[in-house]
Protein backbone atom coordinates (compact mmCIF):
# COMPACT_ATOMS: atom_id res chain seq x y z
CA UNK A 1 -4.96 -9.13 11.97
CA UNK A 2 -7.70 -7.81 14.11
CA UNK A 3 -5.20 -5.54 16.08
CA UNK A 4 -3.80 -4.39 13.10
CA UNK A 5 -6.70 -3.64 11.21
CA UNK A 6 -8.00 -1.66 14.57
CA UNK A 7 -5.21 0.11 14.71
CA UNK A 8 -5.96 1.62 11.00
CA UNK A 9 -9.56 2.72 12.56
CA UNK A 10 -7.86 4.25 14.96
CA UNK A 11 -5.51 6.05 12.13
CA UNK A 12 -8.05 7.27 10.02
CA UNK A 13 -8.99 10.58 11.35
CA UNK A 14 -5.70 11.78 11.11
CA UNK A 15 -5.17 10.92 7.46
CA UNK A 16 -5.68 13.92 4.95
CA UNK A 17 -7.64 12.83 1.68
CA UNK A 18 -8.75 16.00 -0.04
CA UNK A 19 -8.34 15.68 -3.03
CA UNK A 20 -8.23 12.32 -3.85
CA UNK A 21 -11.77 11.50 -5.80
CA UNK A 22 -10.57 7.29 -5.27
CA UNK A 23 -8.17 5.17 -3.82
CA UNK A 24 -8.62 1.33 -3.20
CA UNK A 25 -5.65 -0.39 -2.05
CA UNK A 26 -5.60 -4.38 -0.98
CA UNK A 27 -3.37 -5.52 1.41
CA UNK A 28 -2.46 -9.47 1.30
CA UNK A 29 -0.56 -9.85 4.20
CA UNK A 30 1.60 -12.74 3.83
CA UNK A 31 0.03 -15.26 7.19
CA UNK A 32 -2.25 -13.20 8.10
CA UNK A 33 -5.52 -12.66 5.83
CA UNK A 34 -6.59 -9.57 3.77
CA UNK A 35 -8.18 -6.75 3.48
CA UNK A 36 -8.53 -3.05 2.09
CA UNK A 37 -8.57 0.12 1.94
CA UNK A 38 -10.95 2.03 0.12
CA UNK A 39 -10.80 6.18 -0.25
CA UNK A 40 -13.79 7.61 -1.76
CA UNK A 41 -15.81 10.59 -1.21
CA UNK A 42 -13.57 12.52 1.25
CA UNK A 43 -13.42 9.13 3.54
CA UNK A 44 -11.78 5.97 4.62
CA UNK A 45 -12.85 2.55 4.59
CA UNK A 46 -11.16 -0.09 5.93
CA UNK A 47 -12.63 -4.37 5.84
CA UNK A 48 -11.15 -7.77 6.19
CA UNK A 49 -12.15 -8.61 2.89
CA UNK A 50 -10.63 -9.13 -1.18
CA UNK A 51 -11.16 -5.42 -3.51
CA UNK A 52 -11.93 -7.01 -6.96
CA UNK A 53 -12.89 -3.21 -8.06
CA UNK A 54 -8.52 -2.21 -6.74
CA UNK A 55 -7.18 0.58 -7.59
CA UNK A 56 -3.66 -1.69 -6.44
CA UNK A 57 -2.91 -4.83 -4.80
CA UNK A 58 -0.01 -4.90 -1.89
CA UNK A 59 1.88 -8.18 -0.90
CA UNK A 60 3.97 -7.38 2.73
CA UNK A 61 4.60 -9.30 5.57
CA UNK A 62 2.85 -7.89 9.04
CA UNK A 63 6.10 -6.27 10.29
CA UNK A 64 6.95 -4.19 7.15
CA UNK A 65 3.42 -3.35 6.93
CA UNK A 66 3.43 -1.69 10.35
CA UNK A 67 6.53 -0.51 9.56
CA UNK A 68 4.98 1.62 6.87
CA UNK A 69 2.27 2.32 8.24
CA UNK A 70 4.53 4.02 11.37
CA UNK A 71 7.12 6.15 8.48
CA UNK A 72 10.55 3.57 9.29
CA UNK A 73 9.77 1.86 5.88
CA UNK A 74 9.60 3.93 2.94
CA UNK A 75 7.47 2.37 0.35
CA UNK A 76 9.73 2.70 -2.36
CA UNK A 77 12.65 1.58 -0.72
CA UNK A 78 10.59 -1.01 0.18
CA UNK A 79 9.41 -2.13 -2.93
CA UNK A 80 12.87 -1.76 -4.13
CA UNK A 81 13.99 -4.30 -1.80
CA UNK A 82 11.41 -6.64 -2.63
CA UNK A 83 9.54 -6.04 0.53
CA UNK A 84 6.14 -5.62 -0.52
CA UNK A 85 4.84 -5.91 -3.78
CA UNK A 86 2.81 -4.21 -6.06
CA UNK A 87 0.15 -5.80 -8.46
CA UNK A 88 -1.63 -3.32 -10.68
CA UNK A 89 -0.88 0.84 -10.86
CA UNK A 90 2.35 1.64 -8.81
CA UNK A 91 0.99 5.14 -9.10
CA UNK A 92 -1.71 3.90 -6.53
CA UNK A 93 0.40 2.06 -4.93
CA UNK A 94 2.96 5.15 -4.41
CA UNK A 95 -0.05 8.10 -3.89
CA UNK A 96 -1.70 5.87 -1.02
CA UNK A 97 2.14 5.38 0.63
CA UNK A 98 2.35 9.58 0.17
CA UNK A 99 -1.11 9.74 1.71
CA UNK A 100 -0.38 8.20 4.72
CA UNK A 101 2.79 10.49 5.53
CA UNK A 102 0.99 13.06 4.85
CA UNK A 103 -0.68 12.40 8.45
CA UNK A 104 -2.67 15.68 10.20
């Protein structure tokens, strides 16, 4: 999990979060643990904790999460095929997916 979080931290500057007021996505990574990504006040925070006031929670296997981050797995296709599950606002999960795709 530590390597995954470090990878996400290194990507923060390449992610355009302009126009996003608030978005908090918790990731439940099977057999790895939990972390969250919070977009707030024009910045991104990533921490290895549960986020109780989250917009949604995504449950996914680590290898599928890496593919999603790398743009090799489409979020809608992953959801449709059961490779990820969303608890909460599916629209917020899609918004997060679009943000990942629109990296600088």
